[in-house]
Amino acid sequence: MDEKRFWQNFCPLTAGRQLRDANLVVHCDGGRRGDACSAAAWILEAVWGDGSQIVYMAGVFVDEVDVLFSFVAEATALDQGSKFLADLHAATTQYESLHAL
């Protein structure tokens, strides 16, 4: 929320790690500061049997004009995090299909 803008960060996988071998978990949070602003953020975490790693994180800021109720900010984080995971799955599936030929 302090960034007051959209932000994202891709985190490179540790050598030898593959997303296809991991369980993926999306953590989301959203909130509101009075009538000043609201924000939503999510983190994609890859979990293997011997550890885990943050893969991607992002957040969106909503200014005072469009301030969201806290629950709506939470729902926005869940929606955007889930969409990112679905898009990642679709892209990975398409990539693997193309390279299986």
N, C-alpha and C. Protein backbone atom coordinates (compact mmCIF):
# COMPACT_ATOMS: atom_id res chain seq x y z
N MET A 1 0.82 -1.18 0.00
CA MET A 1 0.00 0.00 0.00
C MET A 1 0.87 1.25 0.00
N ASP A 2 2.02 1.15 0.63
CA ASP A 2 2.91 2.31 0.70
C ASP A 2 3.53 2.66 -0.65
N GLU A 3 3.57 1.69 -1.58
CA GLU A 3 4.13 1.94 -2.91
C GLU A 3 3.25 2.89 -3.72
N LYS A 4 1.95 2.88 -3.48
CA LYS A 4 0.97 3.73 -4.18
C LYS A 4 1.01 3.53 -5.70
N ARG A 5 1.22 2.29 -6.11
CA ARG A 5 1.23 1.94 -7.52
C ARG A 5 1.15 0.42 -7.65
N PHE A 6 0.92 -0.06 -8.89
CA PHE A 6 1.02 -1.49 -9.15
C PHE A 6 2.48 -1.89 -9.07
N TRP A 7 2.76 -3.04 -8.51
CA TRP A 7 4.13 -3.53 -8.47
C TRP A 7 4.13 -5.04 -8.64
N GLN A 8 5.25 -5.57 -9.12
CA GLN A 8 5.40 -7.01 -9.27
C GLN A 8 6.86 -7.38 -9.17
N ASN A 9 7.11 -8.62 -8.82
CA ASN A 9 8.48 -9.10 -8.69
C ASN A 9 8.51 -10.59 -9.02
N PHE A 10 9.25 -10.95 -10.05
CA PHE A 10 9.49 -12.35 -10.37
C PHE A 10 10.75 -12.78 -9.63
N CYS A 11 10.71 -13.94 -9.02
CA CYS A 11 11.87 -14.46 -8.30
C CYS A 11 12.37 -15.70 -9.02
N PRO A 12 13.61 -15.70 -9.50
CA PRO A 12 14.12 -16.86 -10.24
C PRO A 12 14.15 -18.10 -9.35
N LEU A 13 13.86 -19.24 -9.95
CA LEU A 13 13.89 -20.49 -9.21
C LEU A 13 15.32 -20.87 -8.87
N THR A 14 15.46 -21.50 -7.73
CA THR A 14 16.76 -22.05 -7.33
C THR A 14 17.17 -23.10 -8.35
N ALA A 15 18.45 -23.19 -8.64
CA ALA A 15 18.96 -24.15 -9.62
C ALA A 15 18.46 -25.56 -9.30
N GLY A 16 18.00 -26.25 -10.33
CA GLY A 16 17.52 -27.61 -10.18
C GLY A 16 16.05 -27.74 -9.83
N ARG A 17 15.38 -26.64 -9.56
CA ARG A 17 13.95 -26.66 -9.22
C ARG A 17 13.11 -26.49 -10.47
N GLN A 18 11.99 -27.19 -10.53
CA GLN A 18 11.03 -27.08 -11.63
C GLN A 18 9.65 -26.81 -11.04
N LEU A 19 8.92 -25.86 -11.63
CA LEU A 19 7.56 -25.59 -11.15
C LEU A 19 6.65 -26.80 -11.31
N ARG A 20 6.85 -27.59 -12.37
CA ARG A 20 5.98 -28.73 -12.60
C ARG A 20 6.12 -29.80 -11.52
N ASP A 21 7.21 -29.76 -10.74
CA ASP A 21 7.42 -30.71 -9.65
C ASP A 21 6.91 -30.19 -8.31
N ALA A 22 6.35 -28.99 -8.30
CA ALA A 22 5.95 -28.35 -7.04
C ALA A 22 4.43 -28.27 -6.90
N ASN A 23 4.00 -28.16 -5.68
CA ASN A 23 2.63 -27.74 -5.39
C ASN A 23 2.68 -26.22 -5.32
N LEU A 24 1.70 -25.56 -5.92
CA LEU A 24 1.69 -24.10 -5.94
C LEU A 24 0.62 -23.58 -4.98
N VAL A 25 1.00 -22.58 -4.20
CA VAL A 25 0.10 -21.99 -3.21
C VAL A 25 0.03 -20.49 -3.49
N VAL A 26 -1.17 -19.94 -3.52
CA VAL A 26 -1.35 -18.50 -3.68
C VAL A 26 -1.77 -17.93 -2.33
N HIS A 27 -0.99 -16.99 -1.83
CA HIS A 27 -1.32 -16.27 -0.60
C HIS A 27 -1.83 -14.90 -1.02
N CYS A 28 -2.94 -14.44 -0.47
CA CYS A 28 -3.51 -13.15 -0.85
C CYS A 28 -3.87 -12.33 0.39
N ASP A 29 -3.83 -11.02 0.20
CA ASP A 29 -4.25 -10.12 1.27
C ASP A 29 -4.71 -8.81 0.65
N GLY A 30 -5.59 -8.16 1.31
CA GLY A 30 -6.07 -6.86 0.86
C GLY A 30 -6.49 -6.06 2.06
N GLY A 31 -6.53 -4.76 1.91
CA GLY A 31 -6.92 -3.94 3.05
C GLY A 31 -7.23 -2.51 2.65
N ARG A 32 -7.60 -1.76 3.65
CA ARG A 32 -8.03 -0.37 3.45
C ARG A 32 -7.49 0.46 4.60
N ARG A 33 -7.06 1.66 4.30
CA ARG A 33 -6.65 2.62 5.32
C ARG A 33 -7.68 3.73 5.38
N GLY A 34 -8.61 3.60 6.27
CA GLY A 34 -9.66 4.61 6.42
C GLY A 34 -10.30 4.94 5.09
N ASP A 35 -10.41 6.21 4.78
CA ASP A 35 -10.93 6.64 3.49
C ASP A 35 -9.81 7.06 2.54
N ALA A 36 -8.56 6.76 2.91
CA ALA A 36 -7.41 7.24 2.15
C ALA A 36 -7.11 6.40 0.92
N CYS A 37 -7.05 5.08 1.08
CA CYS A 37 -6.68 4.22 -0.03
C CYS A 37 -6.91 2.76 0.34
N SER A 38 -6.78 1.89 -0.65
CA SER A 38 -6.85 0.45 -0.40
C SER A 38 -5.87 -0.22 -1.35
N ALA A 39 -5.56 -1.48 -1.06
CA ALA A 39 -4.60 -2.21 -1.88
C ALA A 39 -4.87 -3.70 -1.76
N ALA A 40 -4.41 -4.43 -2.77
CA ALA A 40 -4.50 -5.88 -2.78
C ALA A 40 -3.17 -6.43 -3.23
N ALA A 41 -2.75 -7.55 -2.66
CA ALA A 41 -1.47 -8.15 -3.04
C ALA A 41 -1.58 -9.67 -2.97
N TRP A 42 -0.70 -10.34 -3.73
CA TRP A 42 -0.68 -11.80 -3.71
C TRP A 42 0.73 -12.29 -3.93
N ILE A 43 0.97 -13.49 -3.44
CA ILE A 43 2.28 -14.15 -3.57
C ILE A 43 2.03 -15.55 -4.09
N LEU A 44 2.82 -15.98 -5.05
CA LEU A 44 2.78 -17.36 -5.54
C LEU A 44 3.99 -18.07 -4.95
N GLU A 45 3.74 -19.14 -4.20
CA GLU A 45 4.79 -19.91 -3.57
C GLU A 45 4.82 -21.31 -4.15
N ALA A 46 6.00 -21.80 -4.47
CA ALA A 46 6.19 -23.18 -4.93
C ALA A 46 6.67 -24.00 -3.75
N VAL A 47 6.04 -25.15 -3.54
CA VAL A 47 6.38 -26.00 -2.40
C VAL A 47 6.79 -27.38 -2.90
N TRP A 48 8.00 -27.77 -2.55
CA TRP A 48 8.50 -29.11 -2.85
C TRP A 48 8.57 -29.89 -1.54
N GLY A 49 8.82 -31.18 -1.61
CA GLY A 49 8.89 -32.01 -0.41
C GLY A 49 9.96 -31.57 0.56
N ASP A 50 11.01 -30.91 0.05
CA ASP A 50 12.13 -30.53 0.91
C ASP A 50 12.27 -29.02 1.09
N GLY A 51 11.23 -28.27 0.76
CA GLY A 51 11.31 -26.82 0.97
C GLY A 51 10.36 -26.05 0.07
N SER A 52 10.42 -24.74 0.17
CA SER A 52 9.55 -23.89 -0.63
C SER A 52 10.29 -22.62 -1.02
N GLN A 53 9.70 -21.92 -1.99
CA GLN A 53 10.30 -20.70 -2.50
C GLN A 53 9.22 -19.80 -3.06
N ILE A 54 9.34 -18.50 -2.82
CA ILE A 54 8.45 -17.53 -3.43
C ILE A 54 8.85 -17.40 -4.89
N VAL A 55 7.86 -17.47 -5.79
CA VAL A 55 8.11 -17.42 -7.22
C VAL A 55 7.73 -16.06 -7.81
N TYR A 56 6.64 -15.49 -7.32
CA TYR A 56 6.12 -14.25 -7.89
C TYR A 56 5.33 -13.53 -6.81
N MET A 57 5.39 -12.22 -6.84
CA MET A 57 4.55 -11.42 -5.94
C MET A 57 4.13 -10.16 -6.66
N ALA A 58 2.93 -9.70 -6.36
CA ALA A 58 2.42 -8.50 -7.02
C ALA A 58 1.40 -7.82 -6.13
N GLY A 59 1.15 -6.56 -6.41
CA GLY A 59 0.16 -5.82 -5.66
C GLY A 59 -0.42 -4.70 -6.50
N VAL A 60 -1.59 -4.27 -6.14
CA VAL A 60 -2.26 -3.19 -6.85
C VAL A 60 -2.76 -2.18 -5.82
N PHE A 61 -2.57 -0.92 -6.12
CA PHE A 61 -2.97 0.19 -5.25
C PHE A 61 -4.23 0.83 -5.81
N VAL A 62 -5.15 1.14 -4.93
CA VAL A 62 -6.38 1.84 -5.34
C VAL A 62 -6.40 3.17 -4.59
N ASP A 63 -6.45 4.28 -5.34
CA ASP A 63 -6.38 5.59 -4.69
C ASP A 63 -7.67 5.97 -4.00
N GLU A 64 -7.67 7.13 -3.42
CA GLU A 64 -8.81 7.59 -2.62
C GLU A 64 -10.10 7.76 -3.43
N VAL A 65 -10.00 7.92 -4.73
CA VAL A 65 -11.21 8.09 -5.55
C VAL A 65 -12.00 6.78 -5.62
N ASP A 66 -11.29 5.66 -5.76
CA ASP A 66 -11.93 4.36 -5.93
C ASP A 66 -11.74 3.45 -4.72
N VAL A 67 -11.52 4.00 -3.54
CA VAL A 67 -11.21 3.20 -2.36
C VAL A 67 -12.20 2.03 -2.19
N LEU A 68 -11.65 0.86 -1.90
CA LEU A 68 -12.45 -0.36 -1.77
C LEU A 68 -12.69 -0.68 -0.30
N PHE A 69 -13.81 -1.31 -0.02
CA PHE A 69 -14.00 -1.85 1.31
C PHE A 69 -12.98 -2.97 1.51
N SER A 70 -12.60 -3.22 2.73
CA SER A 70 -11.56 -4.21 3.02
C SER A 70 -11.87 -5.57 2.41
N PHE A 71 -13.13 -6.03 2.52
CA PHE A 71 -13.49 -7.34 1.97
C PHE A 71 -13.32 -7.36 0.45
N VAL A 72 -13.68 -6.28 -0.21
CA VAL A 72 -13.53 -6.21 -1.67
C VAL A 72 -12.04 -6.22 -2.05
N ALA A 73 -11.20 -5.56 -1.26
CA ALA A 73 -9.76 -5.59 -1.51
C ALA A 73 -9.23 -7.02 -1.35
N GLU A 74 -9.71 -7.74 -0.34
CA GLU A 74 -9.32 -9.15 -0.15
C GLU A 74 -9.76 -9.99 -1.36
N ALA A 75 -11.00 -9.79 -1.79
CA ALA A 75 -11.53 -10.54 -2.93
C ALA A 75 -10.76 -10.21 -4.21
N THR A 76 -10.35 -8.97 -4.37
CA THR A 76 -9.55 -8.55 -5.53
C THR A 76 -8.20 -9.29 -5.53
N ALA A 77 -7.58 -9.37 -4.37
CA ALA A 77 -6.30 -10.09 -4.26
C ALA A 77 -6.49 -11.56 -4.63
N LEU A 78 -7.54 -12.18 -4.13
CA LEU A 78 -7.81 -13.59 -4.44
C LEU A 78 -8.07 -13.77 -5.93
N ASP A 79 -8.87 -12.88 -6.51
CA ASP A 79 -9.19 -12.96 -7.93
C ASP A 79 -7.93 -12.81 -8.80
N GLN A 80 -7.13 -11.80 -8.52
CA GLN A 80 -5.94 -11.55 -9.34
C GLN A 80 -4.89 -12.63 -9.15
N GLY A 81 -4.72 -13.11 -7.93
CA GLY A 81 -3.77 -14.19 -7.68
C GLY A 81 -4.19 -15.48 -8.36
N SER A 82 -5.49 -15.78 -8.31
CA SER A 82 -6.01 -16.98 -8.97
C SER A 82 -5.89 -16.88 -10.48
N LYS A 83 -6.15 -15.69 -11.03
CA LYS A 83 -6.02 -15.49 -12.47
C LYS A 83 -4.57 -15.67 -12.91
N PHE A 84 -3.64 -15.14 -12.13
CA PHE A 84 -2.23 -15.30 -12.47
C PHE A 84 -1.86 -16.78 -12.49
N LEU A 85 -2.33 -17.54 -11.50
CA LEU A 85 -2.03 -18.98 -11.43
C LEU A 85 -2.64 -19.72 -12.62
N ALA A 86 -3.89 -19.38 -12.98
CA ALA A 86 -4.55 -20.02 -14.13
C ALA A 86 -3.81 -19.69 -15.43
N ASP A 87 -3.40 -18.43 -15.59
CA ASP A 87 -2.66 -18.04 -16.79
C ASP A 87 -1.30 -18.75 -16.86
N LEU A 88 -0.64 -18.89 -15.72
CA LEU A 88 0.64 -19.59 -15.67
C LEU A 88 0.45 -21.06 -16.06
N HIS A 89 -0.59 -21.67 -15.55
CA HIS A 89 -0.88 -23.08 -15.88
C HIS A 89 -1.15 -23.23 -17.38
N ALA A 90 -1.96 -22.34 -17.94
CA ALA A 90 -2.28 -22.41 -19.37
C ALA A 90 -1.03 -22.23 -20.22
N ALA A 91 -0.19 -21.28 -19.87
CA ALA A 91 1.04 -21.05 -20.63
C ALA A 91 1.99 -22.24 -20.52
N THR A 92 2.11 -22.81 -19.34
CA THR A 92 2.99 -23.97 -19.14
C THR A 92 2.49 -25.17 -19.92
N THR A 93 1.18 -25.41 -19.88
CA THR A 93 0.59 -26.52 -20.61
C THR A 93 0.80 -26.35 -22.10
N GLN A 94 0.60 -25.15 -22.62
CA GLN A 94 0.80 -24.89 -24.05
C GLN A 94 2.27 -25.08 -24.42
N TYR A 95 3.18 -24.59 -23.60
CA TYR A 95 4.61 -24.74 -23.86
C TYR A 95 5.01 -26.20 -23.90
N GLU A 96 4.55 -26.98 -22.92
CA GLU A 96 4.89 -28.40 -22.87
C GLU A 96 4.28 -29.15 -24.06
N SER A 97 3.08 -28.78 -24.49
CA SER A 97 2.45 -29.42 -25.66
C SER A 97 3.24 -29.15 -26.93
N LEU A 98 3.70 -27.91 -27.09
CA LEU A 98 4.47 -27.56 -28.28
C LEU A 98 5.80 -28.29 -28.34
N HIS A 99 6.41 -28.50 -27.18
CA HIS A 99 7.73 -29.12 -27.16
C HIS A 99 7.65 -30.65 -27.09
N ALA A 100 6.46 -31.19 -26.99
CA ALA A 100 6.29 -32.65 -26.98
C ALA A 100 6.22 -33.20 -28.41
N LEU A 101 6.05 -32.32 -29.38
CA LEU A 101 5.92 -32.74 -30.78
C LEU A 101 7.22 -33.27 -31.35
